[in-house]
Amino acid sequence: MTTARCLAAILVADVVGYSRLIGADETGTFARMHSLRQDVIDPNIAKHSSRLFKTMPE
């Protein structure tokens, strides 16, 4: 019998100067964060056959 083993990881990300960035350009900051998620984070999640199960509201 084959047993599958899975690794669970928790990632907490903090953006340096996020409050300042939001204060200076809220729309642009959200757009850059969204782009980062689409271009970097989501492809890496898919590459490792993983899933994202919780995010904080934007």
C-alpha atoms as a PDB file:
ATOM      1  CA  MET A   1       0.000   0.000   0.000  1.00  0.00           C
ATOM      2  CA  THR A   2       1.319   3.442  -0.954  1.00  0.00           C
ATOM      3  CA  THR A   3       0.908   6.289   1.474  1.00  0.00           C
ATOM      4  CA  ALA A   4       0.851   9.867   0.201  1.00  0.00           C
ATOM      5  CA  ARG A   5       2.533  12.464   2.346  1.00  0.00           C
ATOM      6  CA  CYS A   6       1.732  16.164   2.134  1.00  0.00           C
ATOM      7  CA  LEU A   7       3.536  19.183   3.432  1.00  0.00           C
ATOM      8  CA  ALA A   8       1.542  22.074   4.822  1.00  0.00           C
ATOM      9  CA  ALA A   9       3.061  25.541   4.831  1.00  0.00           C
ATOM     10  CA  ILE A  10       1.850  28.841   6.176  1.00  0.00           C
ATOM     11  CA  LEU A  11       2.928  32.071   4.540  1.00  0.00           C
ATOM     12  CA  VAL A  12       2.325  35.443   6.053  1.00  0.00           C
ATOM     13  CA  ALA A  13       3.437  38.353   3.916  1.00  0.00           C
ATOM     14  CA  ASP A  14       3.849  41.922   5.037  1.00  0.00           C
ATOM     15  CA  VAL A  15       4.387  44.692   2.533  1.00  0.00           C
ATOM     16  CA  VAL A  16       6.891  47.262   3.735  1.00  0.00           C
ATOM     17  CA  GLY A  17       5.306  50.695   3.663  1.00  0.00           C
ATOM     18  CA  TYR A  18       1.875  49.336   2.656  1.00  0.00           C
ATOM     19  CA  SER A  19      -0.024  52.079   4.523  1.00  0.00           C
ATOM     20  CA  ARG A  20       2.119  54.754   2.906  1.00  0.00           C
ATOM     21  CA  LEU A  21       1.658  53.191  -0.546  1.00  0.00           C
ATOM     22  CA  ILE A  22      -2.122  52.937  -0.094  1.00  0.00           C
ATOM     23  CA  GLY A  23      -2.256  56.527   1.150  1.00  0.00           C
ATOM     24  CA  ALA A  24      -0.308  57.803  -1.855  1.00  0.00           C
ATOM     25  CA  ASP A  25      -2.010  55.721  -4.571  1.00  0.00           C
ATOM     26  CA  GLU A  26      -4.715  53.295  -3.460  1.00  0.00           C
ATOM     27  CA  THR A  27      -5.783  52.212  -6.955  1.00  0.00           C
ATOM     28  CA  GLY A  28      -2.217  51.745  -8.202  1.00  0.00           C
ATOM     29  CA  THR A  29      -1.159  49.817  -5.089  1.00  0.00           C
ATOM     30  CA  PHE A  30      -4.107  47.412  -5.388  1.00  0.00           C
ATOM     31  CA  ALA A  31      -3.331  46.955  -9.093  1.00  0.00           C
ATOM     32  CA  ARG A  32       0.329  46.137  -8.372  1.00  0.00           C
ATOM     33  CA  MET A  33      -0.614  43.706  -5.597  1.00  0.00           C
ATOM     34  CA  HIS A  34      -3.149  42.018  -7.888  1.00  0.00           C
ATOM     35  CA  SER A  35      -0.565  41.771 -10.665  1.00  0.00           C
ATOM     36  CA  LEU A  36       1.983  40.241  -8.281  1.00  0.00           C
ATOM     37  CA  ARG A  37      -0.544  37.635  -7.211  1.00  0.00           C
ATOM     38  CA  GLN A  38      -1.451  36.749 -10.820  1.00  0.00           C
ATOM     39  CA  ASP A  39       2.090  36.753 -12.191  1.00  0.00           C
ATOM     40  CA  VAL A  40       4.091  35.243  -9.332  1.00  0.00           C
ATOM     41  CA  ILE A  41       2.071  33.737  -6.502  1.00  0.00           C
ATOM     42  CA  ASP A  42      -0.728  31.897  -8.358  1.00  0.00           C
ATOM     43  CA  PRO A  43       1.616  30.266 -10.941  1.00  0.00           C
ATOM     44  CA  ASN A  44       3.842  28.961  -8.147  1.00  0.00           C
ATOM     45  CA  ILE A  45       0.865  27.558  -6.296  1.00  0.00           C
ATOM     46  CA  ALA A  46      -0.246  25.757  -9.480  1.00  0.00           C
ATOM     47  CA  LYS A  47       3.302  24.582 -10.273  1.00  0.00           C
ATOM     48  CA  HIS A  48       3.424  22.709  -6.970  1.00  0.00           C
ATOM     49  CA  SER A  49      -0.130  21.342  -7.246  1.00  0.00           C
ATOM     50  CA  SER A  50      -1.044  23.308  -4.159  1.00  0.00           C
ATOM     51  CA  ARG A  51      -3.983  25.399  -3.101  1.00  0.00           C
ATOM     52  CA  LEU A  52      -4.593  28.709  -1.424  1.00  0.00           C
ATOM     53  CA  PHE A  53      -7.213  28.355   1.264  1.00  0.00           C
ATOM     54  CA  LYS A  54      -7.448  31.720   2.981  1.00  0.00           C
ATOM     55  CA  THR A  55      -6.658  35.305   2.172  1.00  0.00           C
ATOM     56  CA  MET A  56      -7.436  38.483   4.004  1.00  0.00           C
ATOM     57  CA  PRO A  57      -9.909  40.815   2.308  1.00  0.00           C
ATOM     58  CA  GLU A  58      -8.462  43.615   0.236  1.00  0.00           C
END
